[in-house]
């Protein structure tokens, strides 16, 4: 299934990004997950990258502004990507 929609996400902190929190988008036909971790870069939670790799997804983890720009480029290139973005002001 390939989605072209936006959904609300209750995650508000980088440390709360888990496989369970990402579950709603893991069924999308994508090979790349772009995560915007908030206003400033913070490293991904331990084990997240490995857990996503087991599911066939590569992880691109960056601050939310950079993630939005990167995701827009990936969409323009029609690449198989999904994004999970922590909102910023």
Protein backbone atom coordinates (compact mmCIF):
# COMPACT_ATOMS: atom_id res chain seq x y z
CA UNK A 1 0.00 0.00 0.00
CA UNK A 2 1.34 3.44 -0.95
CA UNK A 3 -0.09 6.43 0.89
CA UNK A 4 -0.41 9.98 -0.24
CA UNK A 5 -1.86 11.42 2.92
CA UNK A 6 -0.97 13.09 6.18
CA UNK A 7 -1.89 11.61 9.53
CA UNK A 8 -1.60 13.02 13.03
CA UNK A 9 1.18 11.57 15.18
CA UNK A 10 1.14 11.87 18.96
CA UNK A 11 4.93 11.58 19.40
CA UNK A 12 6.44 14.82 20.71
CA UNK A 13 9.99 13.78 21.69
CA UNK A 14 12.76 11.95 19.86
CA UNK A 15 13.16 9.39 22.63
CA UNK A 16 9.52 8.36 22.15
CA UNK A 17 10.04 7.22 18.56
CA UNK A 18 9.62 3.45 18.78
CA UNK A 19 8.63 0.64 16.48
CA UNK A 20 5.21 0.68 18.15
CA UNK A 21 4.82 4.43 17.53
CA UNK A 22 5.81 3.91 13.88
CA UNK A 23 3.56 0.88 13.35
CA UNK A 24 0.82 2.78 11.44
CA UNK A 25 3.24 3.66 8.63
CA UNK A 26 5.31 0.49 8.55
CA UNK A 27 2.81 -1.18 6.23
CA UNK A 28 3.37 1.43 3.51
CA UNK A 29 5.24 0.33 0.40
CA UNK A 30 8.45 2.13 1.24
CA UNK A 31 12.09 1.29 1.59
CA UNK A 32 13.10 4.51 3.35
CA UNK A 33 11.77 6.13 6.52
CA UNK A 34 12.60 9.79 7.11
CA UNK A 35 12.19 10.84 10.74
CA UNK A 36 12.17 14.46 11.83
CA UNK A 37 13.27 14.31 15.48
CA UNK A 38 12.28 17.85 16.49
CA UNK A 39 13.77 21.32 16.32
CA UNK A 40 17.32 20.14 17.04
CA UNK A 41 19.09 16.92 16.12
CA UNK A 42 19.12 14.22 18.75
CA UNK A 43 20.36 10.68 18.09
CA UNK A 44 17.75 8.00 17.41
CA UNK A 45 16.76 5.68 20.25
CA UNK A 46 19.07 2.70 20.64
CA UNK A 47 18.00 -0.29 18.56
CA UNK A 48 15.55 1.61 16.34
CA UNK A 49 17.73 1.49 13.22
CA UNK A 50 18.29 -2.29 13.59
CA UNK A 51 14.58 -2.95 14.19
CA UNK A 52 13.65 -1.00 11.06
CA UNK A 53 16.33 -2.77 9.04
CA UNK A 54 14.77 -6.10 10.05
CA UNK A 55 11.55 -4.83 8.45
CA UNK A 56 13.33 -3.78 5.27
CA UNK A 57 13.41 -0.04 5.98
CA UNK A 58 16.41 2.23 5.92
CA UNK A 59 16.31 5.08 8.44
CA UNK A 60 17.19 8.71 7.70
CA UNK A 61 17.09 10.57 11.03
CA UNK A 62 17.44 14.36 11.14
CA UNK A 63 15.91 17.50 12.61
CA UNK A 64 12.35 18.13 11.45
CA UNK A 65 13.18 21.06 9.14
CA UNK A 66 15.78 19.01 7.28
CA UNK A 67 13.44 16.00 7.23
CA UNK A 68 10.69 18.05 5.55
CA UNK A 69 13.08 19.30 2.87
CA UNK A 70 14.53 15.82 2.31
CA UNK A 71 11.11 14.20 2.11
CA UNK A 72 9.92 16.75 -0.45
CA UNK A 73 12.92 15.94 -2.66
CA UNK A 74 12.25 12.21 -2.30
CA UNK A 75 8.61 12.74 -3.30
CA UNK A 76 9.64 14.79 -6.33
CA UNK A 77 11.97 11.94 -7.33
CA UNK A 78 9.09 9.46 -6.80
CA UNK A 79 11.20 7.44 -4.38
CA UNK A 80 9.57 4.95 -2.02
CA UNK A 81 9.72 6.89 1.20
CA UNK A 82 7.53 7.67 4.20
CA UNK A 83 8.06 10.31 6.85
CA UNK A 84 7.35 10.59 10.56
CA UNK A 85 7.77 14.16 11.75
CA UNK A 86 7.78 15.57 15.27
CA UNK A 87 6.04 18.94 15.09
CA UNK A 88 8.00 22.12 15.76
CA UNK A 89 6.92 25.72 16.18
